Amino acid sequence: SVHDLTELERRGIPAVVTTACGIADQLTSGQDAMVVQADSTEALQQALQTLTDPDTRARIGEAGKKTAQEKFSVEMMVERYEALLRSISHAT
């Protein structure tokens, strides 16, 4: 779930997500997560193999943490909802 993913990222744990996950389009594979095709066991295997390298794992984990703070924090969600509500109220 999105909640589980953002919790992992907040802790600096690199995430592996599939393209079937709605949040995948908010991530950059190899930078802040590992995004793989939903039906590709080979892609999943390669992503997991990539994360066996401690430096890569740390780099992606830290980038994911930053992404979670910038895109998925409660504060950012509140700001987005407020902006949406303002745009709706100005449209009516």
N, C-alpha and C. Protein backbone atom coordinates (compact mmCIF):
# COMPACT_ATOMS: atom_id res chain seq x y z
N SER A 1 0.83 -1.19 0.00
CA SER A 1 0.00 0.00 0.00
C SER A 1 0.88 1.25 0.00
N VAL A 2 0.29 2.37 -0.33
CA VAL A 2 1.00 3.64 -0.34
C VAL A 2 1.53 3.95 1.04
N HIS A 3 0.73 3.68 2.06
CA HIS A 3 1.16 3.93 3.43
C HIS A 3 2.40 3.12 3.77
N ASP A 4 2.40 1.85 3.41
CA ASP A 4 3.56 1.00 3.69
C ASP A 4 4.80 1.49 2.96
N LEU A 5 4.63 1.88 1.71
CA LEU A 5 5.75 2.38 0.92
C LEU A 5 6.33 3.64 1.53
N THR A 6 5.50 4.58 1.88
CA THR A 6 6.01 5.83 2.44
C THR A 6 6.64 5.59 3.81
N GLU A 7 6.14 4.62 4.55
CA GLU A 7 6.75 4.30 5.85
C GLU A 7 8.15 3.74 5.64
N LEU A 8 8.31 2.85 4.67
CA LEU A 8 9.65 2.34 4.36
C LEU A 8 10.58 3.47 3.96
N GLU A 9 10.10 4.32 3.06
CA GLU A 9 10.95 5.41 2.58
C GLU A 9 11.30 6.38 3.70
N ARG A 10 10.38 6.68 4.58
CA ARG A 10 10.68 7.58 5.70
C ARG A 10 11.79 7.03 6.58
N ARG A 11 11.91 5.72 6.62
CA ARG A 11 12.94 5.07 7.43
C ARG A 11 14.25 4.88 6.66
N GLY A 12 14.25 5.29 5.38
CA GLY A 12 15.46 5.13 4.58
C GLY A 12 15.66 3.73 4.05
N ILE A 13 14.60 2.94 4.03
CA ILE A 13 14.68 1.57 3.52
C ILE A 13 14.27 1.61 2.04
N PRO A 14 15.16 1.17 1.14
CA PRO A 14 14.82 1.23 -0.29
C PRO A 14 13.63 0.33 -0.61
N ALA A 15 12.75 0.84 -1.43
CA ALA A 15 11.53 0.11 -1.77
C ALA A 15 11.63 -0.45 -3.18
N VAL A 16 11.01 -1.60 -3.38
CA VAL A 16 10.83 -2.19 -4.69
C VAL A 16 9.32 -2.20 -4.93
N VAL A 17 8.89 -1.51 -5.98
CA VAL A 17 7.46 -1.43 -6.29
C VAL A 17 7.25 -1.85 -7.74
N THR A 18 6.03 -2.26 -8.03
CA THR A 18 5.72 -2.63 -9.42
C THR A 18 4.96 -1.51 -10.10
N THR A 19 4.95 -1.59 -11.41
CA THR A 19 4.23 -0.59 -12.20
C THR A 19 2.72 -0.68 -11.97
N ALA A 20 2.26 -1.76 -11.36
CA ALA A 20 0.84 -1.89 -11.02
C ALA A 20 0.47 -1.01 -9.83
N CYS A 21 1.46 -0.59 -9.09
CA CYS A 21 1.25 0.27 -7.92
C CYS A 21 1.02 1.70 -8.39
N GLY A 22 -0.04 2.32 -7.95
CA GLY A 22 -0.37 3.68 -8.39
C GLY A 22 0.69 4.72 -8.08
N ILE A 23 1.50 4.47 -7.09
CA ILE A 23 2.51 5.44 -6.69
C ILE A 23 3.78 5.34 -7.54
N ALA A 24 3.89 4.28 -8.34
CA ALA A 24 5.10 4.05 -9.13
C ALA A 24 5.43 5.22 -10.05
N ASP A 25 4.40 5.91 -10.55
CA ASP A 25 4.66 7.04 -11.45
C ASP A 25 5.22 8.26 -10.72
N GLN A 26 5.25 8.23 -9.40
CA GLN A 26 5.83 9.32 -8.61
C GLN A 26 7.29 9.05 -8.24
N LEU A 27 7.79 7.88 -8.65
CA LEU A 27 9.14 7.45 -8.28
C LEU A 27 10.00 7.30 -9.53
N THR A 28 11.31 7.36 -9.33
CA THR A 28 12.26 7.17 -10.42
C THR A 28 13.10 5.94 -10.11
N SER A 29 12.93 4.92 -10.93
CA SER A 29 13.62 3.67 -10.70
C SER A 29 15.13 3.86 -10.70
N GLY A 30 15.76 3.28 -9.68
CA GLY A 30 17.20 3.38 -9.55
C GLY A 30 17.66 4.64 -8.84
N GLN A 31 16.73 5.54 -8.57
CA GLN A 31 17.08 6.76 -7.86
C GLN A 31 16.48 6.79 -6.46
N ASP A 32 15.15 6.75 -6.37
CA ASP A 32 14.51 6.81 -5.05
C ASP A 32 13.71 5.54 -4.73
N ALA A 33 13.75 4.58 -5.61
CA ALA A 33 13.11 3.27 -5.43
C ALA A 33 13.54 2.41 -6.59
N MET A 34 13.13 1.17 -6.54
CA MET A 34 13.32 0.28 -7.68
C MET A 34 11.92 -0.01 -8.21
N VAL A 35 11.63 0.43 -9.41
CA VAL A 35 10.32 0.23 -10.03
C VAL A 35 10.48 -0.85 -11.09
N VAL A 36 9.66 -1.90 -10.99
CA VAL A 36 9.75 -3.02 -11.93
C VAL A 36 8.40 -3.29 -12.56
N GLN A 37 8.43 -3.90 -13.75
CA GLN A 37 7.21 -4.31 -14.42
C GLN A 37 6.48 -5.32 -13.55
N ALA A 38 5.18 -5.17 -13.46
CA ALA A 38 4.38 -6.02 -12.58
C ALA A 38 4.48 -7.50 -12.92
N ASP A 39 4.66 -7.84 -14.17
CA ASP A 39 4.65 -9.24 -14.57
C ASP A 39 6.04 -9.78 -14.89
N SER A 40 7.08 -9.12 -14.44
CA SER A 40 8.43 -9.52 -14.80
C SER A 40 9.22 -10.02 -13.59
N THR A 41 9.32 -11.32 -13.47
CA THR A 41 10.12 -11.88 -12.38
C THR A 41 11.60 -11.56 -12.60
N GLU A 42 12.02 -11.44 -13.86
CA GLU A 42 13.41 -11.10 -14.15
C GLU A 42 13.73 -9.69 -13.64
N ALA A 43 12.82 -8.75 -13.88
CA ALA A 43 13.04 -7.37 -13.41
C ALA A 43 13.08 -7.32 -11.89
N LEU A 44 12.22 -8.09 -11.25
CA LEU A 44 12.21 -8.14 -9.79
C LEU A 44 13.54 -8.72 -9.28
N GLN A 45 13.98 -9.79 -9.91
CA GLN A 45 15.24 -10.41 -9.51
C GLN A 45 16.40 -9.42 -9.68
N GLN A 46 16.41 -8.69 -10.78
CA GLN A 46 17.49 -7.72 -11.01
C GLN A 46 17.43 -6.58 -9.98
N ALA A 47 16.23 -6.10 -9.66
CA ALA A 47 16.10 -5.03 -8.67
C ALA A 47 16.62 -5.48 -7.32
N LEU A 48 16.25 -6.69 -6.93
CA LEU A 48 16.72 -7.21 -5.65
C LEU A 48 18.23 -7.42 -5.66
N GLN A 49 18.76 -7.87 -6.78
CA GLN A 49 20.21 -8.05 -6.91
C GLN A 49 20.92 -6.70 -6.79
N THR A 50 20.35 -5.67 -7.43
CA THR A 50 20.92 -4.32 -7.35
C THR A 50 21.02 -3.85 -5.91
N LEU A 51 20.01 -4.18 -5.12
CA LEU A 51 19.97 -3.72 -3.73
C LEU A 51 20.86 -4.52 -2.79
N THR A 52 21.54 -5.54 -3.31
CA THR A 52 22.50 -6.25 -2.46
C THR A 52 23.76 -5.44 -2.26
N ASP A 53 23.99 -4.45 -3.12
CA ASP A 53 25.16 -3.59 -2.96
C ASP A 53 24.87 -2.57 -1.85
N PRO A 54 25.65 -2.55 -0.78
CA PRO A 54 25.37 -1.66 0.35
C PRO A 54 25.34 -0.17 -0.02
N ASP A 55 26.25 0.26 -0.89
CA ASP A 55 26.27 1.68 -1.27
C ASP A 55 25.03 2.06 -2.07
N THR A 56 24.65 1.20 -3.00
CA THR A 56 23.44 1.46 -3.79
C THR A 56 22.21 1.46 -2.90
N ARG A 57 22.15 0.48 -2.01
CA ARG A 57 21.01 0.38 -1.08
C ARG A 57 20.91 1.65 -0.23
N ALA A 58 22.03 2.14 0.28
CA ALA A 58 22.03 3.35 1.11
C ALA A 58 21.63 4.57 0.30
N ARG A 59 22.17 4.69 -0.93
CA ARG A 59 21.86 5.84 -1.78
C ARG A 59 20.38 5.89 -2.14
N ILE A 60 19.84 4.75 -2.55
CA ILE A 60 18.41 4.71 -2.92
C ILE A 60 17.55 4.90 -1.68
N GLY A 61 17.96 4.35 -0.57
CA GLY A 61 17.20 4.53 0.68
C GLY A 61 17.14 5.98 1.10
N GLU A 62 18.26 6.68 1.03
CA GLU A 62 18.28 8.10 1.40
C GLU A 62 17.48 8.95 0.42
N ALA A 63 17.60 8.65 -0.87
CA ALA A 63 16.82 9.39 -1.87
C ALA A 63 15.33 9.13 -1.69
N GLY A 64 14.97 7.89 -1.35
CA GLY A 64 13.57 7.57 -1.09
C GLY A 64 13.05 8.31 0.12
N LYS A 65 13.89 8.44 1.13
CA LYS A 65 13.50 9.19 2.33
C LYS A 65 13.20 10.65 1.97
N LYS A 66 14.05 11.23 1.14
CA LYS A 66 13.84 12.61 0.71
C LYS A 66 12.56 12.73 -0.11
N THR A 67 12.33 11.78 -1.01
CA THR A 67 11.10 11.78 -1.81
C THR A 67 9.87 11.68 -0.93
N ALA A 68 9.92 10.80 0.06
CA ALA A 68 8.78 10.65 0.97
C ALA A 68 8.49 11.95 1.70
N GLN A 69 9.54 12.64 2.14
CA GLN A 69 9.36 13.91 2.86
C GLN A 69 8.81 14.99 1.93
N GLU A 70 9.31 15.03 0.70
CA GLU A 70 8.91 16.08 -0.23
C GLU A 70 7.55 15.84 -0.88
N LYS A 71 7.21 14.58 -1.15
CA LYS A 71 5.99 14.28 -1.90
C LYS A 71 4.87 13.67 -1.10
N PHE A 72 5.20 12.92 -0.04
CA PHE A 72 4.18 12.11 0.61
C PHE A 72 4.00 12.40 2.09
N SER A 73 4.61 13.45 2.61
CA SER A 73 4.45 13.76 4.02
C SER A 73 3.03 14.25 4.29
N VAL A 74 2.62 14.16 5.52
CA VAL A 74 1.30 14.66 5.91
C VAL A 74 1.18 16.14 5.56
N GLU A 75 2.24 16.89 5.81
CA GLU A 75 2.23 18.33 5.53
C GLU A 75 2.00 18.59 4.04
N MET A 76 2.67 17.82 3.18
CA MET A 76 2.50 18.00 1.74
C MET A 76 1.09 17.61 1.31
N MET A 77 0.56 16.56 1.88
CA MET A 77 -0.81 16.14 1.54
C MET A 77 -1.81 17.22 1.96
N VAL A 78 -1.62 17.78 3.14
CA VAL A 78 -2.52 18.85 3.61
C VAL A 78 -2.43 20.05 2.67
N GLU A 79 -1.20 20.42 2.28
CA GLU A 79 -1.02 21.54 1.35
C GLU A 79 -1.73 21.27 0.03
N ARG A 80 -1.63 20.05 -0.48
CA ARG A 80 -2.28 19.71 -1.75
C ARG A 80 -3.80 19.76 -1.62
N TYR A 81 -4.33 19.24 -0.51
CA TYR A 81 -5.78 19.30 -0.31
C TYR A 81 -6.25 20.74 -0.17
N GLU A 82 -5.50 21.56 0.55
CA GLU A 82 -5.87 22.96 0.69
C GLU A 82 -5.88 23.66 -0.67
N ALA A 83 -4.88 23.40 -1.47
CA ALA A 83 -4.82 23.99 -2.81
C ALA A 83 -5.99 23.52 -3.67
N LEU A 84 -6.31 22.24 -3.57
CA LEU A 84 -7.45 21.71 -4.32
C LEU A 84 -8.75 22.38 -3.88
N LEU A 85 -8.94 22.48 -2.58
CA LEU A 85 -10.16 23.11 -2.07
C LEU A 85 -10.25 24.58 -2.48
N ARG A 86 -9.12 25.27 -2.44
CA ARG A 86 -9.11 26.68 -2.89
C ARG A 86 -9.48 26.77 -4.36
N SER A 87 -8.94 25.89 -5.19
CA SER A 87 -9.23 25.95 -6.62
C SER A 87 -10.70 25.64 -6.87
N ILE A 88 -11.26 24.70 -6.11
CA ILE A 88 -12.68 24.37 -6.27
C ILE A 88 -13.55 25.54 -5.82
N SER A 89 -13.19 26.17 -4.69
CA SER A 89 -14.02 27.27 -4.21
C SER A 89 -13.94 28.49 -5.12
N HIS A 90 -12.82 28.68 -5.80
CA HIS A 90 -12.70 29.79 -6.75
C HIS A 90 -13.40 29.49 -8.05
N ALA A 91 -13.60 28.23 -8.36
CA ALA A 91 -14.25 27.83 -9.61
C ALA A 91 -15.77 27.96 -9.53
N THR A 92 -16.30 28.00 -8.32
CA THR A 92 -17.76 28.06 -8.18
C THR A 92 -18.25 29.46 -8.00
